[in-house]
């Protein structure tokens, strides 16, 4: 997604010390693997409804 590209660009510019991806990992535990493999199109989007299914 464009937002991920924008984030990576800003990280490259040293604009952040830390980026949290907690919600993304709750919805899609394979988030980091998909990003690493360049499969951003496969990332499941966060939704508040997904939080209701957490046990």
PDB file of N, CA and C in Angstrom:
ATOM      1  N   UNK A   1       0.823  -1.210   0.000  1.00  0.00           N
ATOM      2  CA  UNK A   1       0.000   0.000   0.000  1.00  0.00           C
ATOM      3  C   UNK A   1       0.857   1.259   0.000  1.00  0.00           C
ATOM      4  N   UNK A   2       0.291   2.313  -0.480  1.00  0.00           N
ATOM      5  CA  UNK A   2       1.019   3.587  -0.542  1.00  0.00           C
ATOM      6  C   UNK A   2       1.447   4.038   0.842  1.00  0.00           C
ATOM      7  N   UNK A   3       0.627   3.804   1.857  1.00  0.00           N
ATOM      8  CA  UNK A   3       0.975   4.240   3.205  1.00  0.00           C
ATOM      9  C   UNK A   3       2.225   3.526   3.719  1.00  0.00           C
ATOM     10  N   UNK A   4       2.400   2.266   3.362  1.00  0.00           N
ATOM     11  CA  UNK A   4       3.590   1.533   3.773  1.00  0.00           C
ATOM     12  C   UNK A   4       4.822   2.088   3.061  1.00  0.00           C
ATOM     13  N   UNK A   5       4.689   2.395   1.786  1.00  0.00           N
ATOM     14  CA  UNK A   5       5.804   2.987   1.044  1.00  0.00           C
ATOM     15  C   UNK A   5       6.193   4.327   1.656  1.00  0.00           C
ATOM     16  N   UNK A   6       5.197   5.109   2.019  1.00  0.00           N
ATOM     17  CA  UNK A   6       5.457   6.413   2.639  1.00  0.00           C
ATOM     18  C   UNK A   6       6.167   6.231   3.980  1.00  0.00           C
ATOM     19  N   UNK A   7       5.724   5.269   4.750  1.00  0.00           N
ATOM     20  CA  UNK A   7       6.356   4.986   6.038  1.00  0.00           C
ATOM     21  C   UNK A   7       7.812   4.575   5.851  1.00  0.00           C
ATOM     22  N   UNK A   8       8.068   3.674   4.912  1.00  0.00           N
ATOM     23  CA  UNK A   8       9.435   3.223   4.670  1.00  0.00           C
ATOM     24  C   UNK A   8      10.332   4.370   4.220  1.00  0.00           C
ATOM     25  N   UNK A   9       9.792   5.256   3.415  1.00  0.00           N
ATOM     26  CA  UNK A   9      10.553   6.431   2.983  1.00  0.00           C
ATOM     27  C   UNK A   9      10.914   7.304   4.182  1.00  0.00           C
ATOM     28  N   UNK A  10       9.950   7.536   5.048  1.00  0.00           N
ATOM     29  CA  UNK A  10      10.194   8.375   6.225  1.00  0.00           C
ATOM     30  C   UNK A  10      11.156   7.699   7.196  1.00  0.00           C
ATOM     31  N   UNK A  11      11.068   6.373   7.319  1.00  0.00           N
ATOM     32  CA  UNK A  11      12.038   5.651   8.146  1.00  0.00           C
ATOM     33  C   UNK A  11      13.443   5.827   7.583  1.00  0.00           C
ATOM     34  N   UNK A  12      13.549   5.767   6.265  1.00  0.00           N
ATOM     35  CA  UNK A  12      14.836   5.961   5.611  1.00  0.00           C
ATOM     36  C   UNK A  12      15.413   7.345   5.826  1.00  0.00           C
ATOM     37  N   UNK A  13      14.538   8.308   6.083  1.00  0.00           N
ATOM     38  CA  UNK A  13      14.962   9.686   6.347  1.00  0.00           C
ATOM     39  C   UNK A  13      15.234   9.927   7.829  1.00  0.00           C
ATOM     40  N   UNK A  14      15.209   8.863   8.633  1.00  0.00           N
ATOM     41  CA  UNK A  14      15.441   8.947  10.082  1.00  0.00           C
ATOM     42  C   UNK A  14      14.449   9.869  10.785  1.00  0.00           C
ATOM     43  N   UNK A  15      13.192   9.856  10.340  1.00  0.00           N
ATOM     44  CA  UNK A  15      12.164  10.678  10.972  1.00  0.00           C
ATOM     45  C   UNK A  15      11.568  10.011  12.207  1.00  0.00           C
ATOM     46  N   UNK A  16      11.805   8.713  12.381  1.00  0.00           N
ATOM     47  CA  UNK A  16      11.238   7.978  13.508  1.00  0.00           C
ATOM     48  C   UNK A  16      12.324   7.172  14.202  1.00  0.00           C
ATOM     49  N   UNK A  17      12.155   6.968  15.497  1.00  0.00           N
ATOM     50  CA  UNK A  17      13.010   6.055  16.249  1.00  0.00           C
ATOM     51  C   UNK A  17      12.354   4.685  16.383  1.00  0.00           C
ATOM     52  N   UNK A  18      11.015   4.670  16.320  1.00  0.00           N
ATOM     53  CA  UNK A  18      10.278   3.432  16.543  1.00  0.00           C
ATOM     54  C   UNK A  18       8.946   3.509  15.817  1.00  0.00           C
ATOM     55  N   UNK A  19       8.516   2.395  15.255  1.00  0.00           N
ATOM     56  CA  UNK A  19       7.200   2.300  14.625  1.00  0.00           C
ATOM     57  C   UNK A  19       6.513   1.069  15.200  1.00  0.00           C
ATOM     58  N   UNK A  20       5.311   1.240  15.703  1.00  0.00           N
ATOM     59  CA  UNK A  20       4.552   0.126  16.273  1.00  0.00           C
ATOM     60  C   UNK A  20       3.602  -0.444  15.226  1.00  0.00           C
ATOM     61  N   UNK A  21       3.520  -1.751  15.176  1.00  0.00           N
ATOM     62  CA  UNK A  21       2.626  -2.415  14.230  1.00  0.00           C
ATOM     63  C   UNK A  21       1.704  -3.391  14.961  1.00  0.00           C
ATOM     64  N   UNK A  22       1.395  -3.101  16.204  1.00  0.00           N
ATOM     65  CA  UNK A  22       0.600  -4.003  17.029  1.00  0.00           C
ATOM     66  C   UNK A  22      -0.729  -4.400  16.438  1.00  0.00           C
ATOM     67  N   UNK A  23      -1.502  -3.437  15.999  1.00  0.00           N
ATOM     68  CA  UNK A  23      -2.818  -3.754  15.438  1.00  0.00           C
ATOM     69  C   UNK A  23      -2.682  -4.594  14.182  1.00  0.00           C
ATOM     70  N   UNK A  24      -1.710  -4.260  13.360  1.00  0.00           N
ATOM     71  CA  UNK A  24      -1.496  -5.025  12.128  1.00  0.00           C
ATOM     72  C   UNK A  24      -1.194  -6.487  12.441  1.00  0.00           C
ATOM     73  N   UNK A  25      -0.382  -6.721  13.467  1.00  0.00           N
ATOM     74  CA  UNK A  25      -0.024  -8.093  13.830  1.00  0.00           C
ATOM     75  C   UNK A  25      -1.185  -8.844  14.469  1.00  0.00           C
ATOM     76  N   UNK A  26      -2.075  -8.135  15.156  1.00  0.00           N
ATOM     77  CA  UNK A  26      -3.255  -8.790  15.722  1.00  0.00           C
ATOM     78  C   UNK A  26      -4.155  -9.331  14.621  1.00  0.00           C
ATOM     79  N   UNK A  27      -4.306  -8.569  13.564  1.00  0.00           N
ATOM     80  CA  UNK A  27      -5.195  -8.953  12.471  1.00  0.00           C
ATOM     81  C   UNK A  27      -4.522  -9.950  11.530  1.00  0.00           C
ATOM     82  N   UNK A  28      -3.237  -9.750  11.278  1.00  0.00           N
ATOM     83  CA  UNK A  28      -2.516 -10.579  10.310  1.00  0.00           C
ATOM     84  C   UNK A  28      -1.165 -10.988  10.899  1.00  0.00           C
ATOM     85  N   UNK A  29      -1.104 -12.146  11.567  1.00  0.00           N
ATOM     86  CA  UNK A  29       0.146 -12.569  12.194  1.00  0.00           C
ATOM     87  C   UNK A  29       1.300 -12.740  11.205  1.00  0.00           C
ATOM     88  N   UNK A  30       1.004 -12.871   9.930  1.00  0.00           N
ATOM     89  CA  UNK A  30       2.042 -13.016   8.905  1.00  0.00           C
ATOM     90  C   UNK A  30       2.456 -11.678   8.310  1.00  0.00           C
ATOM     91  N   UNK A  31       2.065 -10.583   8.935  1.00  0.00           N
ATOM     92  CA  UNK A  31       2.338  -9.233   8.426  1.00  0.00           C
ATOM     93  C   UNK A  31       3.818  -9.037   8.110  1.00  0.00           C
ATOM     94  N   UNK A  32       4.686  -9.331   9.055  1.00  0.00           N
ATOM     95  CA  UNK A  32       6.126  -9.096   8.853  1.00  0.00           C
ATOM     96  C   UNK A  32       6.671  -9.936   7.699  1.00  0.00           C
ATOM     97  N   UNK A  33       6.253 -11.179   7.606  1.00  0.00           N
ATOM     98  CA  UNK A  33       6.698 -12.046   6.520  1.00  0.00           C
ATOM     99  C   UNK A  33       6.246 -11.497   5.169  1.00  0.00           C
ATOM    100  N   UNK A  34       4.992 -11.062   5.097  1.00  0.00           N
ATOM    101  CA  UNK A  34       4.466 -10.512   3.848  1.00  0.00           C
ATOM    102  C   UNK A  34       5.218  -9.251   3.439  1.00  0.00           C
ATOM    103  N   UNK A  35       5.529  -8.391   4.394  1.00  0.00           N
ATOM    104  CA  UNK A  35       6.296  -7.179   4.093  1.00  0.00           C
ATOM    105  C   UNK A  35       7.690  -7.565   3.617  1.00  0.00           C
ATOM    106  N   UNK A  36       8.312  -8.485   4.321  1.00  0.00           N
ATOM    107  CA  UNK A  36       9.673  -8.918   3.965  1.00  0.00           C
ATOM    108  C   UNK A  36       9.730  -9.489   2.549  1.00  0.00           C
ATOM    109  N   UNK A  37       8.684 -10.229   2.165  1.00  0.00           N
ATOM    110  CA  UNK A  37       8.636 -10.866   0.850  1.00  0.00           C
ATOM    111  C   UNK A  37       8.081  -9.947  -0.234  1.00  0.00           C
ATOM    112  N   UNK A  38       7.733  -8.702   0.130  1.00  0.00           N
ATOM    113  CA  UNK A  38       7.198  -7.769  -0.859  1.00  0.00           C
ATOM    114  C   UNK A  38       5.767  -8.071  -1.260  1.00  0.00           C
ATOM    115  N   UNK A  39       5.021  -8.727  -0.376  1.00  0.00           N
ATOM    116  CA  UNK A  39       3.634  -9.113  -0.666  1.00  0.00           C
ATOM    117  C   UNK A  39       2.647  -8.202   0.056  1.00  0.00           C
ATOM    118  N   UNK A  40       2.869  -6.904  -0.028  1.00  0.00           N
ATOM    119  CA  UNK A  40       2.006  -5.954   0.671  1.00  0.00           C
ATOM    120  C   UNK A  40       0.544  -6.087   0.261  1.00  0.00           C
ATOM    121  N   UNK A  41       0.293  -6.511  -0.980  1.00  0.00           N
ATOM    122  CA  UNK A  41      -1.088  -6.656  -1.450  1.00  0.00           C
ATOM    123  C   UNK A  41      -1.824  -7.767  -0.708  1.00  0.00           C
ATOM    124  N   UNK A  42      -1.095  -8.669  -0.053  1.00  0.00           N
ATOM    125  CA  UNK A  42      -1.708  -9.776   0.682  1.00  0.00           C
ATOM    126  C   UNK A  42      -1.978  -9.457   2.151  1.00  0.00           C
ATOM    127  N   UNK A  43      -1.546  -8.292   2.611  1.00  0.00           N
ATOM    128  CA  UNK A  43      -1.723  -7.926   4.015  1.00  0.00           C
ATOM    129  C   UNK A  43      -3.202  -7.698   4.304  1.00  0.00           C
ATOM    130  N   UNK A  44      -3.679  -8.325   5.373  1.00  0.00           N
ATOM    131  CA  UNK A  44      -5.067  -8.136   5.783  1.00  0.00           C
ATOM    132  C   UNK A  44      -5.196  -6.779   6.468  1.00  0.00           C
ATOM    133  N   UNK A  45      -6.167  -5.974   6.061  1.00  0.00           N
ATOM    134  CA  UNK A  45      -6.315  -4.646   6.668  1.00  0.00           C
ATOM    135  C   UNK A  45      -6.883  -4.730   8.083  1.00  0.00           C
ATOM    136  N   UNK A  46      -6.480  -3.789   8.923  1.00  0.00           N
ATOM    137  CA  UNK A  46      -7.013  -3.717  10.283  1.00  0.00           C
ATOM    138  C   UNK A  46      -8.461  -3.264  10.245  1.00  0.00           C
ATOM    139  N   UNK A  47      -9.265  -3.837  11.114  1.00  0.00           N
ATOM    140  CA  UNK A  47     -10.639  -3.366  11.306  1.00  0.00           C
ATOM    141  C   UNK A  47     -10.981  -3.523  12.781  1.00  0.00           C
ATOM    142  N   UNK A  48     -11.775  -2.622  13.292  1.00  0.00           N
ATOM    143  CA  UNK A  48     -12.183  -2.708  14.700  1.00  0.00           C
ATOM    144  C   UNK A  48     -12.994  -3.977  14.959  1.00  0.00           C
ATOM    145  N   UNK A  49     -13.724  -4.438  13.948  1.00  0.00           N
ATOM    146  CA  UNK A  49     -14.512  -5.656  14.103  1.00  0.00           C
ATOM    147  C   UNK A  49     -13.615  -6.855  14.403  1.00  0.00           C
ATOM    148  N   UNK A  50     -12.406  -6.850  13.858  1.00  0.00           N
ATOM    149  CA  UNK A  50     -11.484  -7.962  14.092  1.00  0.00           C
ATOM    150  C   UNK A  50     -11.134  -8.085  15.570  1.00  0.00           C
ATOM    151  N   UNK A  51     -11.122  -6.973  16.287  1.00  0.00           N
ATOM    152  CA  UNK A  51     -10.799  -7.006  17.712  1.00  0.00           C
ATOM    153  C   UNK A  51     -11.841  -7.773  18.515  1.00  0.00           C
ATOM    154  N   UNK A  52     -13.060  -7.845  18.024  1.00  0.00           N
ATOM    155  CA  UNK A  52     -14.116  -8.553  18.751  1.00  0.00           C
ATOM    156  C   UNK A  52     -13.927 -10.062  18.697  1.00  0.00           C
ATOM    157  N   UNK A  53     -13.083 -10.549  17.782  1.00  0.00           N
ATOM    158  CA  UNK A  53     -12.876 -11.992  17.662  1.00  0.00           C
ATOM    159  C   UNK A  53     -11.684 -12.479  18.471  1.00  0.00           C
ATOM    160  N   UNK A  54     -10.965 -11.567  19.117  1.00  0.00           N
ATOM    161  CA  UNK A  54      -9.824 -11.973  19.931  1.00  0.00           C
ATOM    162  C   UNK A  54     -10.303 -12.662  21.198  1.00  0.00           C
ATOM    163  N   UNK A  55      -9.628 -13.710  21.573  1.00  0.00           N
ATOM    164  CA  UNK A  55     -10.014 -14.456  22.773  1.00  0.00           C
ATOM    165  C   UNK A  55      -9.038 -14.168  23.880  1.00  0.00           C
TER     166      UNK A  55
END
